[in-house]
């Protein structure tokens, strides 16, 4: 009995992914038992934008999505399903929106490449982190999705379009949207832009004024991390201002220094004050964006928690985009095999 292409594809991927996943989950358990983080935290200065940037951009994106939805509905009324050109146009429009947001943040708040999560430092290592995260998260997420699909049918306009008008051009167009556009745009907005600001909001060292209007960096602030001369470890100058009791500080207090905490002791900035709420809130909003797609918000919430953790620890978008793109790519290839098999059966092949 010949197995369908979809089954062969899934069995091949499972044979590769499951051993890696088991090994990595064992490694995770060992790290947890040793009370060590899964990824070392890389400190970063607070992002430069504030609530005054977040709200208008959020409303602008919602308005743009409404326009794109109206455009899609108009297309559906005329030709039933969107064609390849419609997917390409929508994808390019979403990428253009991301470019506009980056330009706005750079001009208004002085955001730089590290603030925007666009650093390509150690790119191969970040690609590996994203691929390893896929091996860790994909099996439980896909199992949960498969179980939920037995109760609630999964719905997506992209799947509907491919099912009704399956062809090479539409495959390429939808693949471009799902594997390239969606990971870039969604990771930038939910992880960098939204979660980045939420990290500011839950940072006790920042004033309410900085949380609303943004954190202004002085011209003396460096764009890269410095190395501690004693430990040779990266140290962010924002997190390592000289103490008032430092002998090299001209404003040093004449009072004898003390290690006793006082009411005037400033809150610490760094790994010890990391809040989980930026990850949780951005994950809730990310999964809520997929309401109307059956039970998809449930596994996507778990995915978003993993993506949020990756971004918080590295403050770079590359590993998040890699994980998101691989998962979407796997789903799209599986869908293509399934639709191709259906098309062949319908043709009597």
C-alpha atoms as a PDB file:
ATOM      1  CA  UNK A   1       0.000   0.000   0.000  1.00  0.00           C
ATOM      2  CA  UNK A   2       1.428   3.322  -1.096  1.00  0.00           C
ATOM      3  CA  UNK A   3       1.482   6.031   1.537  1.00  0.00           C
ATOM      4  CA  UNK A   4       0.244   9.499   0.521  1.00  0.00           C
ATOM      5  CA  UNK A   5       2.944  12.168   0.095  1.00  0.00           C
ATOM      6  CA  UNK A   6       1.712  14.027   3.186  1.00  0.00           C
ATOM      7  CA  UNK A   7       2.250  10.975   5.395  1.00  0.00           C
ATOM      8  CA  UNK A   8       5.743  10.375   3.958  1.00  0.00           C
ATOM      9  CA  UNK A   9       6.635  14.029   4.529  1.00  0.00           C
ATOM     10  CA  UNK A  10       5.377  14.032   8.124  1.00  0.00           C
ATOM     11  CA  UNK A  11       7.122  10.755   8.954  1.00  0.00           C
ATOM     12  CA  UNK A  12      10.395  12.038   7.507  1.00  0.00           C
ATOM     13  CA  UNK A  13      10.219  15.274   9.496  1.00  0.00           C
ATOM     14  CA  UNK A  14       9.221  13.414  12.653  1.00  0.00           C
ATOM     15  CA  UNK A  15      12.215  11.085  12.276  1.00  0.00           C
ATOM     16  CA  UNK A  16      14.494  14.134  12.224  1.00  0.00           C
ATOM     17  CA  UNK A  17      12.783  16.396  14.745  1.00  0.00           C
ATOM     18  CA  UNK A  18      11.669  14.003  17.511  1.00  0.00           C
ATOM     19  CA  UNK A  19      15.202  12.799  18.476  1.00  0.00           C
ATOM     20  CA  UNK A  20      16.425  16.418  18.541  1.00  0.00           C
ATOM     21  CA  UNK A  21      13.387  17.458  20.541  1.00  0.00           C
ATOM     22  CA  UNK A  22      13.855  14.676  23.123  1.00  0.00           C
ATOM     23  CA  UNK A  23      17.530  15.572  23.535  1.00  0.00           C
ATOM     24  CA  UNK A  24      16.760  19.280  23.952  1.00  0.00           C
ATOM     25  CA  UNK A  25      13.938  18.661  26.445  1.00  0.00           C
ATOM     26  CA  UNK A  26      16.312  16.548  28.548  1.00  0.00           C
ATOM     27  CA  UNK A  27      18.815  19.412  28.351  1.00  0.00           C
ATOM     28  CA  UNK A  28      16.087  21.841  29.474  1.00  0.00           C
ATOM     29  CA  UNK A  29      15.241  19.668  32.493  1.00  0.00           C
ATOM     30  CA  UNK A  30      18.915  19.516  33.459  1.00  0.00           C
ATOM     31  CA  UNK A  31      19.263  23.301  33.143  1.00  0.00           C
ATOM     32  CA  UNK A  32      16.184  23.834  35.307  1.00  0.00           C
ATOM     33  CA  UNK A  33      17.488  21.422  37.957  1.00  0.00           C
ATOM     34  CA  UNK A  34      20.782  23.317  37.965  1.00  0.00           C
ATOM     35  CA  UNK A  35      18.820  26.577  38.396  1.00  0.00           C
ATOM     36  CA  UNK A  36      20.334  27.956  35.199  1.00  0.00           C
ATOM     37  CA  UNK A  37      18.556  29.963  32.471  1.00  0.00           C
ATOM     38  CA  UNK A  38      17.860  28.230  29.184  1.00  0.00           C
ATOM     39  CA  UNK A  39      19.401  31.231  27.448  1.00  0.00           C
ATOM     40  CA  UNK A  40      21.775  33.662  29.082  1.00  0.00           C
ATOM     41  CA  UNK A  41      20.182  37.085  29.454  1.00  0.00           C
ATOM     42  CA  UNK A  42      21.795  39.798  27.334  1.00  0.00           C
ATOM     43  CA  UNK A  43      21.191  43.210  28.944  1.00  0.00           C
ATOM     44  CA  UNK A  44      19.987  46.122  26.895  1.00  0.00           C
ATOM     45  CA  UNK A  45      19.103  49.711  27.615  1.00  0.00           C
ATOM     46  CA  UNK A  46      15.385  50.503  27.657  1.00  0.00           C
ATOM     47  CA  UNK A  47      13.887  51.138  24.224  1.00  0.00           C
ATOM     48  CA  UNK A  48      13.471  54.750  23.225  1.00  0.00           C
ATOM     49  CA  UNK A  49       9.790  54.813  22.329  1.00  0.00           C
ATOM     50  CA  UNK A  50       6.869  55.364  24.673  1.00  0.00           C
ATOM     51  CA  UNK A  51       3.125  55.052  24.880  1.00  0.00           C
ATOM     52  CA  UNK A  52       2.733  58.159  22.694  1.00  0.00           C
ATOM     53  CA  UNK A  53       4.380  56.173  19.883  1.00  0.00           C
ATOM     54  CA  UNK A  54       2.635  52.886  20.607  1.00  0.00           C
ATOM     55  CA  UNK A  55      -0.986  54.081  20.532  1.00  0.00           C
ATOM     56  CA  UNK A  56      -1.046  56.022  17.222  1.00  0.00           C
ATOM     57  CA  UNK A  57       0.918  53.293  15.457  1.00  0.00           C
ATOM     58  CA  UNK A  58      -1.426  50.662  16.894  1.00  0.00           C
ATOM     59  CA  UNK A  59      -4.485  52.574  15.686  1.00  0.00           C
ATOM     60  CA  UNK A  60      -2.817  53.138  12.321  1.00  0.00           C
ATOM     61  CA  UNK A  61      -2.130  49.417  11.891  1.00  0.00           C
ATOM     62  CA  UNK A  62      -5.702  48.549  12.853  1.00  0.00           C
ATOM     63  CA  UNK A  63      -6.969  51.063  10.293  1.00  0.00           C
ATOM     64  CA  UNK A  64      -4.662  49.651   7.626  1.00  0.00           C
ATOM     65  CA  UNK A  65      -5.825  46.106   8.393  1.00  0.00           C
ATOM     66  CA  UNK A  66      -9.441  47.235   8.052  1.00  0.00           C
ATOM     67  CA  UNK A  67      -8.648  48.716   4.644  1.00  0.00           C
ATOM     68  CA  UNK A  68      -6.829  45.547   3.562  1.00  0.00           C
ATOM     69  CA  UNK A  69      -9.756  43.457   4.790  1.00  0.00           C
ATOM     70  CA  UNK A  70     -12.190  45.607   2.812  1.00  0.00           C
ATOM     71  CA  UNK A  71      -9.934  45.234  -0.222  1.00  0.00           C
ATOM     72  CA  UNK A  72      -9.899  41.442   0.220  1.00  0.00           C
ATOM     73  CA  UNK A  73     -13.663  41.322   0.623  1.00  0.00           C
ATOM     74  CA  UNK A  74     -14.044  43.333  -2.560  1.00  0.00           C
ATOM     75  CA  UNK A  75     -11.810  40.862  -4.357  1.00  0.00           C
ATOM     76  CA  UNK A  76     -13.778  37.926  -2.988  1.00  0.00           C
ATOM     77  CA  UNK A  77     -17.034  39.427  -4.232  1.00  0.00           C
ATOM     78  CA  UNK A  78     -15.642  39.700  -7.739  1.00  0.00           C
ATOM     79  CA  UNK A  79     -13.531  36.572  -8.207  1.00  0.00           C
ATOM     80  CA  UNK A  80     -14.475  34.476  -5.138  1.00  0.00           C
ATOM     81  CA  UNK A  81     -10.917  34.029  -3.856  1.00  0.00           C
ATOM     82  CA  UNK A  82      -7.838  36.317  -3.896  1.00  0.00           C
ATOM     83  CA  UNK A  83      -5.263  35.551  -6.556  1.00  0.00           C
ATOM     84  CA  UNK A  84      -1.457  35.463  -6.339  1.00  0.00           C
ATOM     85  CA  UNK A  85      -1.122  39.190  -7.067  1.00  0.00           C
ATOM     86  CA  UNK A  86      -3.415  40.028  -4.156  1.00  0.00           C
ATOM     87  CA  UNK A  87      -1.279  38.069  -1.712  1.00  0.00           C
ATOM     88  CA  UNK A  88       1.921  39.676  -3.027  1.00  0.00           C
ATOM     89  CA  UNK A  89       0.417  43.179  -2.809  1.00  0.00           C
ATOM     90  CA  UNK A  90      -0.869  42.605   0.717  1.00  0.00           C
ATOM     91  CA  UNK A  91       2.483  41.184   1.816  1.00  0.00           C
ATOM     92  CA  UNK A  92       4.461  44.072   0.359  1.00  0.00           C
ATOM     93  CA  UNK A  93       2.048  46.541   1.986  1.00  0.00           C
ATOM     94  CA  UNK A  94       2.646  44.948   5.397  1.00  0.00           C
ATOM     95  CA  UNK A  95       6.435  45.084   4.917  1.00  0.00           C
ATOM     96  CA  UNK A  96       6.103  48.745   3.923  1.00  0.00           C
ATOM     97  CA  UNK A  97       4.202  49.436   7.155  1.00  0.00           C
ATOM     98  CA  UNK A  98       7.092  47.942   9.147  1.00  0.00           C
ATOM     99  CA  UNK A  99       9.557  50.183   7.288  1.00  0.00           C
ATOM    100  CA  UNK A 100       7.411  53.234   8.086  1.00  0.00           C
ATOM    101  CA  UNK A 101       7.282  52.314  11.785  1.00  0.00           C
ATOM    102  CA  UNK A 102      11.059  51.879  11.912  1.00  0.00           C
ATOM    103  CA  UNK A 103      11.557  55.248  10.218  1.00  0.00           C
ATOM    104  CA  UNK A 104       9.151  56.936  12.655  1.00  0.00           C
ATOM    105  CA  UNK A 105      10.850  55.440  15.711  1.00  0.00           C
ATOM    106  CA  UNK A 106      14.289  56.391  14.426  1.00  0.00           C
ATOM    107  CA  UNK A 107      13.301  59.980  13.660  1.00  0.00           C
ATOM    108  CA  UNK A 108      11.055  60.735  16.633  1.00  0.00           C
ATOM    109  CA  UNK A 109      12.647  58.782  19.469  1.00  0.00           C
ATOM    110  CA  UNK A 110      16.176  58.223  18.179  1.00  0.00           C
ATOM    111  CA  UNK A 111      15.825  54.423  18.067  1.00  0.00           C
ATOM    112  CA  UNK A 112      18.926  52.647  16.828  1.00  0.00           C
ATOM    113  CA  UNK A 113      19.604  49.186  15.450  1.00  0.00           C
ATOM    114  CA  UNK A 114      20.003  47.486  18.884  1.00  0.00           C
ATOM    115  CA  UNK A 115      16.763  49.133  20.081  1.00  0.00           C
ATOM    116  CA  UNK A 116      14.914  47.730  17.061  1.00  0.00           C
ATOM    117  CA  UNK A 117      16.235  44.199  17.537  1.00  0.00           C
ATOM    118  CA  UNK A 118      17.871  44.347  14.114  1.00  0.00           C
ATOM    119  CA  UNK A 119      21.438  43.584  15.167  1.00  0.00           C
ATOM    120  CA  UNK A 120      23.030  40.809  13.119  1.00  0.00           C
ATOM    121  CA  UNK A 121      25.785  40.217  15.663  1.00  0.00           C
ATOM    122  CA  UNK A 122      26.481  36.467  15.859  1.00  0.00           C
ATOM    123  CA  UNK A 123      23.864  35.799  13.154  1.00  0.00           C
ATOM    124  CA  UNK A 124      24.775  32.081  12.750  1.00  0.00           C
ATOM    125  CA  UNK A 125      24.356  31.572  16.494  1.00  0.00           C
ATOM    126  CA  UNK A 126      20.969  33.287  16.469  1.00  0.00           C
ATOM    127  CA  UNK A 127      19.830  31.180  13.508  1.00  0.00           C
ATOM    128  CA  UNK A 128      20.851  28.076  15.461  1.00  0.00           C
ATOM    129  CA  UNK A 129      18.900  29.306  18.515  1.00  0.00           C
ATOM    130  CA  UNK A 130      15.792  29.775  16.363  1.00  0.00           C
ATOM    131  CA  UNK A 131      16.159  26.314  14.811  1.00  0.00           C
ATOM    132  CA  UNK A 132      16.708  24.692  18.225  1.00  0.00           C
ATOM    133  CA  UNK A 133      13.655  26.505  19.574  1.00  0.00           C
ATOM    134  CA  UNK A 134      11.632  25.030  16.697  1.00  0.00           C
ATOM    135  CA  UNK A 135      12.776  21.521  17.647  1.00  0.00           C
ATOM    136  CA  UNK A 136      11.734  22.210  21.245  1.00  0.00           C
ATOM    137  CA  UNK A 137       8.374  23.870  20.643  1.00  0.00           C
ATOM    138  CA  UNK A 138       7.088  22.333  17.394  1.00  0.00           C
ATOM    139  CA  UNK A 139       6.208  18.823  18.686  1.00  0.00           C
ATOM    140  CA  UNK A 140       4.012  19.908  21.641  1.00  0.00           C
ATOM    141  CA  UNK A 141       2.446  22.748  19.657  1.00  0.00           C
ATOM    142  CA  UNK A 142       1.607  20.537  16.668  1.00  0.00           C
ATOM    143  CA  UNK A 143       0.222  17.775  18.908  1.00  0.00           C
ATOM    144  CA  UNK A 144      -2.015  20.281  20.723  1.00  0.00           C
ATOM    145  CA  UNK A 145      -3.125  21.755  17.397  1.00  0.00           C
ATOM    146  CA  UNK A 146      -3.928  18.298  15.991  1.00  0.00           C
ATOM    147  CA  UNK A 147      -5.963  17.349  19.058  1.00  0.00           C
ATOM    148  CA  UNK A 148      -7.884  20.621  19.071  1.00  0.00           C
ATOM    149  CA  UNK A 149      -8.593  20.327  15.343  1.00  0.00           C
ATOM    150  CA  UNK A 150     -10.588  17.194  16.134  1.00  0.00           C
ATOM    151  CA  UNK A 151     -12.923  19.368  18.202  1.00  0.00           C
ATOM    152  CA  UNK A 152     -12.822  22.673  16.313  1.00  0.00           C
ATOM    153  CA  UNK A 153     -12.147  22.914  12.586  1.00  0.00           C
ATOM    154  CA  UNK A 154      -9.171  25.119  11.711  1.00  0.00           C
ATOM    155  CA  UNK A 155     -10.065  28.025   9.428  1.00  0.00           C
ATOM    156  CA  UNK A 156      -7.852  30.401   7.466  1.00  0.00           C
ATOM    157  CA  UNK A 157      -8.493  32.483   4.364  1.00  0.00           C
ATOM    158  CA  UNK A 158      -5.141  31.403   2.940  1.00  0.00           C
ATOM    159  CA  UNK A 159      -6.137  27.732   3.155  1.00  0.00           C
ATOM    160  CA  UNK A 160      -9.507  28.500   1.592  1.00  0.00           C
ATOM    161  CA  UNK A 161      -7.829  30.261  -1.330  1.00  0.00           C
ATOM    162  CA  UNK A 162      -5.423  27.386  -1.955  1.00  0.00           C
ATOM    163  CA  UNK A 163      -8.167  24.790  -1.658  1.00  0.00           C
ATOM    164  CA  UNK A 164     -10.336  26.486  -4.258  1.00  0.00           C
ATOM    165  CA  UNK A 165      -7.629  27.554  -6.703  1.00  0.00           C
ATOM    166  CA  UNK A 166      -4.595  25.326  -6.174  1.00  0.00           C
ATOM    167  CA  UNK A 167      -1.660  26.136  -8.434  1.00  0.00           C
ATOM    168  CA  UNK A 168       2.042  26.933  -8.514  1.00  0.00           C
ATOM    169  CA  UNK A 169       1.666  30.747  -8.624  1.00  0.00           C
ATOM    170  CA  UNK A 170      -0.735  30.778  -5.695  1.00  0.00           C
ATOM    171  CA  UNK A 171       1.562  28.418  -3.786  1.00  0.00           C
ATOM    172  CA  UNK A 172       4.465  30.834  -4.230  1.00  0.00           C
ATOM    173  CA  UNK A 173       2.348  33.854  -3.288  1.00  0.00           C
ATOM    174  CA  UNK A 174       0.920  32.284  -0.143  1.00  0.00           C
ATOM    175  CA  UNK A 175       4.342  30.889   0.764  1.00  0.00           C
ATOM    176  CA  UNK A 176       5.798  34.395   0.479  1.00  0.00           C
ATOM    177  CA  UNK A 177       3.073  35.738   2.773  1.00  0.00           C
ATOM    178  CA  UNK A 178       3.282  32.966   5.382  1.00  0.00           C
ATOM    179  CA  UNK A 179       7.016  32.224   5.480  1.00  0.00           C
ATOM    180  CA  UNK A 180       8.557  35.654   4.862  1.00  0.00           C
ATOM    181  CA  UNK A 181       6.070  38.460   5.476  1.00  0.00           C
ATOM    182  CA  UNK A 182       4.236  37.124   8.526  1.00  0.00           C
ATOM    183  CA  UNK A 183       7.347  36.217  10.576  1.00  0.00           C
ATOM    184  CA  UNK A 184       9.056  39.550   9.863  1.00  0.00           C
ATOM    185  CA  UNK A 185       6.035  41.779  10.446  1.00  0.00           C
ATOM    186  CA  UNK A 186       4.511  39.939  13.400  1.00  0.00           C
ATOM    187  CA  UNK A 187       7.811  39.471  15.220  1.00  0.00           C
ATOM    188  CA  UNK A 188       8.757  43.107  14.759  1.00  0.00           C
ATOM    189  CA  UNK A 189       5.421  44.384  16.009  1.00  0.00           C
ATOM    190  CA  UNK A 190       4.665  41.965  18.845  1.00  0.00           C
ATOM    191  CA  UNK A 191       8.167  41.250  20.106  1.00  0.00           C
ATOM    192  CA  UNK A 192      10.273  44.323  19.331  1.00  0.00           C
ATOM    193  CA  UNK A 193       7.746  47.146  19.291  1.00  0.00           C
ATOM    194  CA  UNK A 194       5.102  45.973  21.787  1.00  0.00           C
ATOM    195  CA  UNK A 195       7.095  43.720  24.116  1.00  0.00           C
ATOM    196  CA  UNK A 196      10.015  46.162  24.035  1.00  0.00           C
ATOM    197  CA  UNK A 197       7.767  48.927  25.362  1.00  0.00           C
ATOM    198  CA  UNK A 198       6.122  46.586  27.878  1.00  0.00           C
ATOM    199  CA  UNK A 199       9.585  45.832  29.279  1.00  0.00           C
ATOM    200  CA  UNK A 200       9.923  49.569  29.864  1.00  0.00           C
ATOM    201  CA  UNK A 201       6.469  49.746  31.448  1.00  0.00           C
ATOM    202  CA  UNK A 202       7.276  47.005  33.967  1.00  0.00           C
ATOM    203  CA  UNK A 203      10.774  48.364  34.675  1.00  0.00           C
ATOM    204  CA  UNK A 204      10.664  49.965  38.170  1.00  0.00           C
ATOM    205  CA  UNK A 205      13.766  52.031  37.411  1.00  0.00           C
ATOM    206  CA  UNK A 206      11.966  54.134  34.792  1.00  0.00           C
ATOM    207  CA  UNK A 207       9.726  57.080  35.560  1.00  0.00           C
ATOM    208  CA  UNK A 208       6.145  57.277  34.344  1.00  0.00           C
ATOM    209  CA  UNK A 209       7.203  60.150  32.091  1.00  0.00           C
ATOM    210  CA  UNK A 210       9.768  57.886  30.391  1.00  0.00           C
ATOM    211  CA  UNK A 211       7.196  55.122  30.009  1.00  0.00           C
ATOM    212  CA  UNK A 212       4.744  57.490  28.313  1.00  0.00           C
ATOM    213  CA  UNK A 213       7.052  59.704  26.234  1.00  0.00           C
ATOM    214  CA  UNK A 214      10.038  57.405  25.783  1.00  0.00           C
ATOM    215  CA  UNK A 215      13.566  57.154  27.118  1.00  0.00           C
ATOM    216  CA  UNK A 216      15.879  59.739  25.680  1.00  0.00           C
ATOM    217  CA  UNK A 217      19.474  58.631  25.202  1.00  0.00           C
ATOM    218  CA  UNK A 218      22.240  61.148  25.622  1.00  0.00           C
ATOM    219  CA  UNK A 219      24.845  61.636  22.938  1.00  0.00           C
ATOM    220  CA  UNK A 220      27.362  59.948  25.237  1.00  0.00           C
ATOM    221  CA  UNK A 221      25.469  56.663  25.202  1.00  0.00           C
ATOM    222  CA  UNK A 222      27.179  54.022  23.091  1.00  0.00           C
ATOM    223  CA  UNK A 223      25.296  51.911  20.578  1.00  0.00           C
ATOM    224  CA  UNK A 224      27.094  48.741  21.570  1.00  0.00           C
ATOM    225  CA  UNK A 225      27.861  46.969  24.825  1.00  0.00           C
ATOM    226  CA  UNK A 226      31.227  47.533  26.469  1.00  0.00           C
ATOM    227  CA  UNK A 227      33.398  44.878  28.105  1.00  0.00           C
ATOM    228  CA  UNK A 228      34.095  44.884  31.814  1.00  0.00           C
ATOM    229  CA  UNK A 229      37.935  45.117  32.094  1.00  0.00           C
ATOM    230  CA  UNK A 230      37.939  42.666  35.024  1.00  0.00           C
ATOM    231  CA  UNK A 231      35.528  40.006  33.803  1.00  0.00           C
ATOM    232  CA  UNK A 232      35.637  40.634  30.045  1.00  0.00           C
ATOM    233  CA  UNK A 233      31.862  40.227  30.094  1.00  0.00           C
ATOM    234  CA  UNK A 234      29.561  42.553  28.125  1.00  0.00           C
ATOM    235  CA  UNK A 235      28.275  45.419  30.233  1.00  0.00           C
ATOM    236  CA  UNK A 236      25.750  47.989  29.103  1.00  0.00           C
ATOM    237  CA  UNK A 237      26.800  51.524  30.089  1.00  0.00           C
ATOM    238  CA  UNK A 238      23.167  52.356  30.891  1.00  0.00           C
ATOM    239  CA  UNK A 239      23.195  49.635  33.543  1.00  0.00           C
ATOM    240  CA  UNK A 240      26.633  50.472  34.940  1.00  0.00           C
ATOM    241  CA  UNK A 241      26.588  54.142  35.901  1.00  0.00           C
ATOM    242  CA  UNK A 242      29.302  55.006  38.496  1.00  0.00           C
ATOM    243  CA  UNK A 243      28.183  54.789  42.098  1.00  0.00           C
ATOM    244  CA  UNK A 244      27.932  57.917  44.220  1.00  0.00           C
ATOM    245  CA  UNK A 245      30.402  56.234  46.584  1.00  0.00           C
ATOM    246  CA  UNK A 246      32.951  55.621  43.851  1.00  0.00           C
ATOM    247  CA  UNK A 247      36.177  57.497  44.647  1.00  0.00           C
ATOM    248  CA  UNK A 248      36.444  58.619  41.012  1.00  0.00           C
ATOM    249  CA  UNK A 249      33.046  60.298  41.215  1.00  0.00           C
ATOM    250  CA  UNK A 250      33.412  64.060  41.877  1.00  0.00           C
ATOM    251  CA  UNK A 251      29.961  64.068  43.475  1.00  0.00           C
ATOM    252  CA  UNK A 252      30.893  61.335  45.974  1.00  0.00           C
ATOM    253  CA  UNK A 253      29.219  61.722  49.337  1.00  0.00           C
ATOM    254  CA  UNK A 254      31.547  62.525  52.243  1.00  0.00           C
ATOM    255  CA  UNK A 255      29.565  60.088  54.351  1.00  0.00           C
ATOM    256  CA  UNK A 256      31.056  56.661  54.850  1.00  0.00           C
ATOM    257  CA  UNK A 257      29.609  54.167  52.353  1.00  0.00           C
ATOM    258  CA  UNK A 258      27.328  51.494  53.681  1.00  0.00           C
ATOM    259  CA  UNK A 259      25.914  48.307  52.264  1.00  0.00           C
ATOM    260  CA  UNK A 260      22.684  48.726  54.195  1.00  0.00           C
ATOM    261  CA  UNK A 261      19.680  49.391  51.897  1.00  0.00           C
ATOM    262  CA  UNK A 262      17.986  52.716  52.380  1.00  0.00           C
ATOM    263  CA  UNK A 263      14.820  54.342  51.129  1.00  0.00           C
ATOM    264  CA  UNK A 264      16.930  56.196  48.563  1.00  0.00           C
ATOM    265  CA  UNK A 265      18.552  53.071  47.138  1.00  0.00           C
ATOM    266  CA  UNK A 266      17.733  53.105  43.379  1.00  0.00           C
ATOM    267  CA  UNK A 267      16.028  50.020  41.935  1.00  0.00           C
ATOM    268  CA  UNK A 268      18.324  47.644  40.128  1.00  0.00           C
ATOM    269  CA  UNK A 269      18.134  47.337  36.370  1.00  0.00           C
ATOM    270  CA  UNK A 270      18.979  44.011  34.847  1.00  0.00           C
ATOM    271  CA  UNK A 271      18.126  40.320  34.965  1.00  0.00           C
ATOM    272  CA  UNK A 272      17.068  40.471  38.613  1.00  0.00           C
ATOM    273  CA  UNK A 273      14.027  42.635  37.805  1.00  0.00           C
ATOM    274  CA  UNK A 274      12.864  40.821  34.674  1.00  0.00           C
ATOM    275  CA  UNK A 275       9.089  40.639  34.649  1.00  0.00           C
ATOM    276  CA  UNK A 276       7.189  37.864  32.850  1.00  0.00           C
ATOM    277  CA  UNK A 277       4.263  40.187  32.088  1.00  0.00           C
ATOM    278  CA  UNK A 278       5.662  41.691  28.849  1.00  0.00           C
ATOM    279  CA  UNK A 279       5.915  38.155  27.434  1.00  0.00           C
ATOM    280  CA  UNK A 280       2.465  37.115  28.681  1.00  0.00           C
ATOM    281  CA  UNK A 281       0.664  40.273  27.500  1.00  0.00           C
ATOM    282  CA  UNK A 282       2.263  40.256  24.047  1.00  0.00           C
ATOM    283  CA  UNK A 283       1.473  36.524  23.744  1.00  0.00           C
ATOM    284  CA  UNK A 284      -2.194  37.134  24.617  1.00  0.00           C
ATOM    285  CA  UNK A 285      -2.467  39.890  22.019  1.00  0.00           C
ATOM    286  CA  UNK A 286      -0.621  37.802  19.416  1.00  0.00           C
ATOM    287  CA  UNK A 287      -2.946  34.826  19.872  1.00  0.00           C
ATOM    288  CA  UNK A 288      -6.002  37.103  19.969  1.00  0.00           C
ATOM    289  CA  UNK A 289      -5.064  38.370  16.530  1.00  0.00           C
ATOM    290  CA  UNK A 290      -5.841  34.860  15.246  1.00  0.00           C
ATOM    291  CA  UNK A 291      -9.349  34.652  16.647  1.00  0.00           C
ATOM    292  CA  UNK A 292     -11.750  33.274  14.076  1.00  0.00           C
ATOM    293  CA  UNK A 293      -9.248  30.612  12.980  1.00  0.00           C
ATOM    294  CA  UNK A 294     -10.775  27.798  14.983  1.00  0.00           C
ATOM    295  CA  UNK A 295      -8.714  26.719  17.995  1.00  0.00           C
ATOM    296  CA  UNK A 296      -5.506  28.263  16.580  1.00  0.00           C
ATOM    297  CA  UNK A 297      -5.150  30.880  19.389  1.00  0.00           C
ATOM    298  CA  UNK A 298      -4.423  28.130  21.944  1.00  0.00           C
ATOM    299  CA  UNK A 299      -1.264  26.621  20.360  1.00  0.00           C
ATOM    300  CA  UNK A 300      -0.262  30.060  19.078  1.00  0.00           C
ATOM    301  CA  UNK A 301      -0.335  31.402  22.639  1.00  0.00           C
ATOM    302  CA  UNK A 302       2.202  28.724  23.622  1.00  0.00           C
ATOM    303  CA  UNK A 303       4.300  29.591  20.565  1.00  0.00           C
ATOM    304  CA  UNK A 304       4.185  33.285  21.474  1.00  0.00           C
ATOM    305  CA  UNK A 305       5.417  32.541  24.996  1.00  0.00           C
ATOM    306  CA  UNK A 306       8.457  30.842  23.482  1.00  0.00           C
ATOM    307  CA  UNK A 307       9.009  33.679  21.014  1.00  0.00           C
ATOM    308  CA  UNK A 308       8.695  36.243  23.794  1.00  0.00           C
ATOM    309  CA  UNK A 309      11.261  34.410  25.914  1.00  0.00           C
ATOM    310  CA  UNK A 310      13.700  34.275  22.989  1.00  0.00           C
ATOM    311  CA  UNK A 311      13.361  38.005  22.437  1.00  0.00           C
ATOM    312  CA  UNK A 312      13.659  38.923  26.115  1.00  0.00           C
ATOM    313  CA  UNK A 313      16.851  36.924  26.532  1.00  0.00           C
ATOM    314  CA  UNK A 314      18.568  38.006  23.292  1.00  0.00           C
ATOM    315  CA  UNK A 315      16.787  41.269  22.378  1.00  0.00           C
ATOM    316  CA  UNK A 316      17.290  40.305  18.754  1.00  0.00           C
ATOM    317  CA  UNK A 317      14.575  39.495  16.228  1.00  0.00           C
ATOM    318  CA  UNK A 318      16.563  37.008  14.145  1.00  0.00           C
ATOM    319  CA  UNK A 319      16.015  33.896  16.338  1.00  0.00           C
ATOM    320  CA  UNK A 320      12.303  34.757  16.663  1.00  0.00           C
ATOM    321  CA  UNK A 321      11.909  35.209  12.910  1.00  0.00           C
ATOM    322  CA  UNK A 322      13.775  31.949  12.228  1.00  0.00           C
ATOM    323  CA  UNK A 323      11.531  29.972  14.608  1.00  0.00           C
ATOM    324  CA  UNK A 324       8.361  31.585  13.220  1.00  0.00           C
ATOM    325  CA  UNK A 325       9.442  31.093   9.592  1.00  0.00           C
ATOM    326  CA  UNK A 326      10.408  27.416  10.043  1.00  0.00           C
ATOM    327  CA  UNK A 327       7.109  26.610  11.751  1.00  0.00           C
ATOM    328  CA  UNK A 328       5.076  28.402   9.079  1.00  0.00           C
ATOM    329  CA  UNK A 329       7.179  26.812   6.357  1.00  0.00           C
ATOM    330  CA  UNK A 330       6.569  23.353   7.787  1.00  0.00           C
ATOM    331  CA  UNK A 331       2.822  24.017   7.917  1.00  0.00           C
ATOM    332  CA  UNK A 332       2.757  25.358   4.352  1.00  0.00           C
ATOM    333  CA  UNK A 333       4.711  22.419   2.908  1.00  0.00           C
ATOM    334  CA  UNK A 334       2.385  19.993   4.700  1.00  0.00           C
ATOM    335  CA  UNK A 335      -0.605  21.856   3.277  1.00  0.00           C
ATOM    336  CA  UNK A 336       0.881  21.831  -0.242  1.00  0.00           C
ATOM    337  CA  UNK A 337       1.427  18.044  -0.098  1.00  0.00           C
ATOM    338  CA  UNK A 338      -2.125  17.519   1.130  1.00  0.00           C
ATOM    339  CA  UNK A 339      -3.692  19.741  -1.544  1.00  0.00           C
ATOM    340  CA  UNK A 340      -1.533  18.252  -4.295  1.00  0.00           C
ATOM    341  CA  UNK A 341      -2.646  14.778  -3.241  1.00  0.00           C
ATOM    342  CA  UNK A 342      -6.307  15.861  -3.257  1.00  0.00           C
ATOM    343  CA  UNK A 343      -5.877  17.481  -6.669  1.00  0.00           C
ATOM    344  CA  UNK A 344      -4.311  14.296  -8.052  1.00  0.00           C
ATOM    345  CA  UNK A 345      -7.136  12.146  -6.676  1.00  0.00           C
ATOM    346  CA  UNK A 346      -9.764  14.507  -8.061  1.00  0.00           C
ATOM    347  CA  UNK A 347      -8.126  14.263 -11.489  1.00  0.00           C
ATOM    348  CA  UNK A 348      -8.263  10.470 -11.223  1.00  0.00           C
ATOM    349  CA  UNK A 349      -4.500  10.127 -11.125  1.00  0.00           C
END
